[in-house]
Protein backbone atom coordinates (compact mmCIF):
# COMPACT_ATOMS: atom_id res chain seq x y z
CA MET A 1 -2.61 53.94 -47.78
CA ILE A 2 -5.09 51.49 -47.48
CA ASP A 3 -4.54 47.27 -48.31
CA ARG A 4 -5.86 44.12 -47.24
CA ILE A 5 -5.05 40.88 -45.57
CA ILE A 6 -6.58 38.12 -47.89
CA TYR A 7 -6.72 34.81 -45.89
CA GLN A 8 -9.08 32.48 -47.51
CA ASN A 9 -12.08 33.73 -48.53
CA SER A 10 -12.04 36.43 -46.01
CA GLU A 11 -10.43 40.06 -46.14
CA LEU A 12 -9.07 42.02 -43.14
CA TYR A 13 -8.40 45.65 -43.99
CA TYR A 14 -5.48 48.02 -42.88
CA TYR A 15 -4.36 51.46 -43.21
CA LYS A 16 -0.85 52.72 -42.74
CA ASP A 17 0.25 56.17 -42.21
CA GLY A 18 3.54 57.92 -40.19
CA SER A 19 7.28 57.44 -41.07
CA GLY A 20 8.86 56.72 -37.62
CA LYS A 21 11.48 54.12 -37.55
CA LYS A 22 8.99 52.14 -34.61
CA THR A 23 6.13 50.44 -35.70
CA ILE A 24 2.90 50.05 -33.84
CA LEU A 25 -0.41 48.10 -34.69
CA LEU A 26 -4.18 49.61 -33.76
CA PHE A 27 -6.96 47.43 -32.97
CA HIS A 28 -10.41 49.36 -32.63
CA GLY A 29 -13.59 48.58 -30.61
CA PHE A 30 -16.99 47.11 -31.19
CA GLY A 31 -18.83 49.18 -33.38
CA GLN A 32 -15.96 51.53 -34.44
CA ASP A 33 -13.20 51.20 -37.55
CA HIS A 34 -9.72 52.63 -38.09
CA LYS A 35 -10.88 56.25 -37.75
CA ALA A 36 -10.91 55.96 -34.04
CA PHE A 37 -7.46 56.02 -33.99
CA ASN A 38 -7.33 59.22 -35.87
CA ASN A 39 -5.82 61.92 -32.71
CA TRP A 40 -3.49 58.89 -32.03
CA ILE A 41 -1.68 58.89 -35.84
CA GLU A 42 -1.29 62.76 -34.67
CA VAL A 43 0.72 62.06 -32.02
CA LEU A 44 2.50 59.03 -33.55
CA GLU A 45 3.27 59.84 -36.99
CA ASN A 46 6.76 60.91 -36.77
CA ASP A 47 8.06 58.65 -34.49
CA TYR A 48 6.21 55.18 -36.05
CA THR A 49 4.61 53.53 -38.75
CA VAL A 50 1.05 53.40 -37.90
CA TYR A 51 -1.07 50.68 -39.13
CA THR A 52 -4.67 50.69 -38.01
CA PHE A 53 -6.99 47.52 -38.71
CA ASN A 54 -10.66 47.27 -39.29
CA LEU A 55 -11.80 44.11 -37.43
CA PHE A 56 -13.90 41.31 -38.83
CA PHE A 57 -17.67 42.85 -39.39
CA HIS A 58 -16.30 46.04 -39.07
CA GLY A 59 -15.93 48.76 -42.08
CA ASN A 60 -14.98 46.78 -45.38
CA SER A 61 -13.48 43.78 -43.41
CA LYS A 62 -15.35 40.55 -43.61
CA TRP A 63 -15.06 37.21 -42.57
CA ALA A 64 -16.46 34.72 -44.61
CA ASN A 65 -15.85 31.52 -43.39
CA GLN A 66 -18.92 29.71 -41.54
CA GLN A 67 -16.73 28.66 -38.42
CA ALA A 68 -15.46 31.20 -35.76
CA VAL A 69 -12.33 32.58 -35.85
CA THR A 70 -9.52 30.72 -34.12
CA LYS A 71 -6.34 31.49 -32.60
CA GLU A 72 -4.49 29.44 -35.70
CA ASP A 73 -6.64 31.60 -38.11
CA TRP A 74 -5.33 34.51 -36.55
CA ARG A 75 -1.52 33.49 -36.67
CA LYS A 76 -1.86 32.48 -40.13
CA ILE A 77 -3.61 35.95 -41.04
CA ILE A 78 -0.99 38.01 -38.69
CA GLN A 79 1.70 36.32 -40.39
CA ILE A 80 0.74 37.53 -44.00
CA PHE A 81 0.65 40.84 -42.51
CA ILE A 82 4.25 40.33 -41.03
CA ASP A 83 5.35 39.09 -44.48
CA GLN A 84 3.67 41.54 -46.83
CA GLU A 85 4.67 44.48 -44.53
CA LYS A 86 7.97 43.52 -43.92
CA ILE A 87 8.10 44.04 -40.54
CA ASP A 88 9.77 42.42 -37.51
CA ARG A 89 9.22 43.80 -33.91
CA PHE A 90 6.10 46.37 -32.89
CA GLU A 91 4.32 47.63 -30.42
CA ILE A 92 0.43 46.93 -30.30
CA ALA A 93 -2.80 48.13 -28.96
CA GLY A 94 -6.20 47.66 -28.45
CA PHE A 95 -9.53 48.99 -27.29
CA SER A 96 -12.31 46.92 -25.50
CA VAL A 97 -12.79 44.10 -27.84
CA GLY A 98 -9.93 45.03 -30.25
CA ALA A 99 -7.73 44.11 -27.15
CA LYS A 100 -8.61 40.24 -27.69
CA PHE A 101 -6.83 40.44 -30.78
CA VAL A 102 -3.88 41.94 -29.01
CA LEU A 103 -3.55 39.42 -26.11
CA ALA A 104 -4.27 36.51 -29.27
CA THR A 105 -1.22 38.27 -31.10
CA LEU A 106 0.73 38.32 -27.86
CA GLU A 107 -0.01 34.46 -27.52
CA LEU A 108 0.87 33.71 -30.92
CA PHE A 109 4.05 36.21 -31.82
CA PRO A 110 5.42 37.23 -28.11
CA GLU A 111 8.67 37.17 -29.68
CA ARG A 112 8.06 40.20 -31.75
CA ILE A 113 6.27 42.36 -29.55
CA GLU A 114 7.94 45.29 -27.72
CA ARG A 115 4.94 47.32 -26.00
CA ILE A 116 1.25 46.43 -25.21
CA ILE A 117 -1.27 49.28 -24.53
CA LEU A 118 -4.91 48.21 -23.51
CA LEU A 119 -7.47 50.31 -23.23
CA ALA A 120 -10.57 49.22 -21.48
CA PRO A 121 -9.61 45.52 -22.53
CA ASP A 122 -11.82 42.70 -23.22
CA GLY A 123 -10.72 39.10 -23.18
CA ILE A 124 -9.05 39.73 -19.41
CA LYS A 125 -12.28 38.79 -17.35
CA ASN A 126 -14.76 36.49 -18.16
CA ASN A 127 -18.03 37.74 -18.65
CA PHE A 128 -20.87 35.26 -17.95
CA TRP A 129 -23.71 36.59 -19.89
CA TYR A 130 -20.94 36.35 -23.00
CA ASP A 131 -20.03 32.94 -22.02
CA LEU A 132 -23.42 31.61 -21.71
CA ALA A 133 -24.51 33.05 -25.19
CA THR A 134 -21.78 31.55 -26.88
CA ARG A 135 -20.95 28.31 -24.93
CA THR A 136 -23.06 25.90 -26.83
CA SER A 137 -24.28 25.82 -30.33
CA LEU A 138 -28.22 26.01 -28.45
CA MET A 139 -27.54 28.77 -26.66
CA ARG A 140 -26.00 30.17 -29.66
CA ALA A 141 -28.65 29.70 -31.65
CA LEU A 142 -31.16 30.81 -29.03
CA PHE A 143 -29.01 34.17 -28.62
CA ARG A 144 -28.55 35.15 -32.37
CA SER A 145 -32.86 34.61 -32.43
CA MET A 146 -32.75 36.85 -29.45
CA ILE A 147 -30.60 39.49 -30.63
CA LEU A 148 -32.46 39.56 -34.41
CA LYS A 149 -35.72 39.82 -33.28
CA PRO A 150 -36.35 43.26 -31.79
CA ARG A 151 -39.47 42.72 -29.70
CA ARG A 152 -37.77 39.83 -27.82
CA LEU A 153 -35.10 42.08 -27.17
CA GLN A 154 -36.88 45.29 -26.37
CA SER A 155 -39.11 42.92 -23.51
CA LEU A 156 -35.70 41.91 -21.80
CA ILE A 157 -34.82 45.85 -21.51
CA LYS A 158 -37.94 46.22 -20.12
CA PHE A 159 -37.60 43.66 -18.09
CA LEU A 160 -34.37 45.32 -16.58
CA LYS A 161 -35.38 48.30 -16.01
CA PHE A 162 -38.82 46.86 -14.49
CA PHE A 163 -36.65 45.10 -11.89
CA HIS A 164 -34.14 48.14 -11.57
CA LEU A 165 -31.49 45.57 -12.52
CA GLU A 166 -29.94 47.76 -15.38
CA ASP A 167 -27.27 49.86 -14.97
CA LYS A 168 -28.42 53.19 -16.47
CA ASN A 169 -25.13 54.17 -18.46
CA LEU A 170 -24.69 50.69 -19.70
CA LEU A 171 -27.82 50.16 -20.70
CA ARG A 172 -27.76 53.44 -22.95
CA PHE A 173 -24.36 51.81 -24.17
CA VAL A 174 -26.21 48.79 -25.08
CA GLU A 175 -29.50 50.15 -26.60
CA PHE A 176 -27.37 52.22 -28.79
CA GLN A 177 -24.91 49.27 -29.94
CA LEU A 178 -28.81 47.48 -30.87
CA SER A 179 -30.71 50.11 -32.49
CA THR A 180 -30.35 49.11 -35.84
CA GLU A 181 -30.78 45.80 -38.11
CA GLU A 182 -27.03 46.16 -39.40
CA LYS A 183 -25.80 46.68 -35.31
CA LEU A 184 -27.78 43.72 -34.37
CA GLN A 185 -26.27 41.29 -37.05
CA ARG A 186 -22.58 42.82 -35.69
CA VAL A 187 -23.27 42.06 -32.13
CA CYS A 188 -24.28 38.33 -33.51
CA ASN A 189 -21.17 38.04 -35.31
CA SER A 190 -18.61 39.30 -32.96
CA TRP A 191 -19.72 37.74 -30.15
CA ILE A 192 -20.44 34.19 -31.65
CA TYR A 193 -17.49 34.49 -34.35
CA PHE A 194 -14.91 35.85 -32.08
CA ARG A 195 -15.66 33.35 -29.06
CA HIS A 196 -12.37 31.04 -29.49
CA LEU A 197 -10.37 34.44 -28.65
CA ASN A 198 -10.40 33.82 -24.86
CA PHE A 199 -7.29 33.16 -22.78
CA ASN A 200 -5.84 31.49 -19.30
CA LEU A 201 -4.99 34.22 -17.31
CA ASN A 202 -1.75 32.39 -15.46
CA ASP A 203 -0.51 31.47 -19.26
CA LEU A 204 -0.91 35.33 -19.98
CA ILE A 205 0.95 36.35 -16.60
CA GLN A 206 3.85 33.91 -17.27
CA LEU A 207 4.48 34.87 -21.06
CA LEU A 208 4.31 38.78 -19.76
CA ASN A 209 6.55 38.57 -17.03
CA SER A 210 9.16 35.54 -18.60
CA ARG A 211 9.63 38.33 -21.58
CA ASN A 212 9.34 41.59 -19.36
CA ILE A 213 6.81 42.76 -22.12
CA PRO A 214 5.70 46.52 -20.76
CA VAL A 215 2.15 46.43 -20.58
CA VAL A 216 0.28 49.89 -20.24
CA PHE A 217 -3.29 49.68 -18.73
CA ILE A 218 -5.72 52.91 -19.65
CA LEU A 219 -8.83 52.41 -17.81
CA GLY A 220 -11.96 54.92 -17.14
CA LYS A 221 -13.14 55.67 -13.78
CA SER A 222 -16.71 55.93 -15.08
CA ASP A 223 -16.58 52.90 -17.51
CA LYS A 224 -19.53 50.78 -16.77
CA VAL A 225 -18.69 48.21 -19.79
CA ILE A 226 -15.39 47.08 -18.59
CA PRO A 227 -15.11 48.13 -14.92
CA SER A 228 -11.28 49.26 -13.69
CA GLU A 229 -11.12 46.74 -10.61
CA ARG A 230 -11.25 43.90 -12.92
CA ILE A 231 -8.47 44.66 -15.03
CA GLU A 232 -6.12 46.37 -11.99
CA ARG A 233 -6.29 43.06 -10.15
CA PHE A 234 -5.05 41.33 -13.19
CA ALA A 235 -2.17 44.37 -13.46
CA LYS A 236 -0.72 44.06 -10.34
CA THR A 237 0.34 40.38 -10.88
CA LEU A 238 2.38 42.11 -13.64
CA LYS A 239 6.19 43.06 -13.13
CA ASN A 240 6.45 45.73 -16.13
CA HIS A 241 3.09 47.27 -16.20
CA ARG A 242 1.61 50.91 -15.24
CA PHE A 243 -2.09 51.76 -14.62
CA GLU A 244 -3.85 54.74 -15.88
CA LEU A 245 -7.17 55.34 -14.54
CA LEU A 246 -8.55 58.32 -15.78
CA ASP A 247 -12.09 59.96 -15.49
CA ALA A 248 -13.58 58.63 -18.30
CA GLY A 249 -16.31 56.42 -19.62
CA HIS A 250 -16.16 53.65 -22.17
CA HIS A 251 -16.04 55.50 -25.25
CA GLU A 252 -13.91 58.71 -24.51
CA LEU A 253 -10.88 56.52 -23.22
CA ILE A 254 -9.14 56.44 -26.99
CA ASN A 255 -9.43 60.10 -26.96
CA LYS A 256 -8.52 61.19 -23.66
CA GLY A 257 -6.00 57.66 -23.40
CA VAL A 258 -3.72 59.21 -25.91
CA SER A 259 -1.73 61.60 -23.95
CA HIS A 260 -0.86 58.55 -21.27
CA ILE A 261 0.93 56.19 -24.32
CA HIS A 262 4.61 57.57 -24.27
């Protein structure tokens, strides 16, 4: 079943599957949509009611506001969803940038969360380039100009290659994600409009430990986008966690991680 959350002039689409008594919310990564979790639905649908979301700028979801998404926006959006679906407590999982929405939901609705699953989570370790590109209006304009003008972007990639500053796997990932005008626009929008979804790690640690919320971390040994070392240090500060390090790259984690979610 497909439905949507209407918030101001924006729409967030989600899909409902399964008939189980437990509830889980799933948020995909950059450049994906709800179908990224199809194999999870097959595994979970007997025990769970599964909600898979299309993030803004992905699939048929759209963010119509000229301002970036704030945590207060997200609180209102999730409250609409909770009221709409008449749910109380739930588990929640996110891959890559989808983890930012998981962590925001944790901060805003900790009393409703029964378990968290984070696959190569973005939002835990600050990224220097992301912070630099989105910190000020001037840098955001420069970032948008560079991304949306392929010649500048190609020159940057050539520079990195010439000075051997690139990681080949990471560079292939970047080149694929920026290979079409649609993908370029999605990068701009996701980086700029999701910039307020950042977190204080000490606050997260205190919240998770005080409520003893179980957290499952699923990372890839060969993931160059979200290296496991960054996340493992955070995981070790939590009382109730499980850390799974798989023989996988970044975009293999959803498919390979499904066997580690129980």
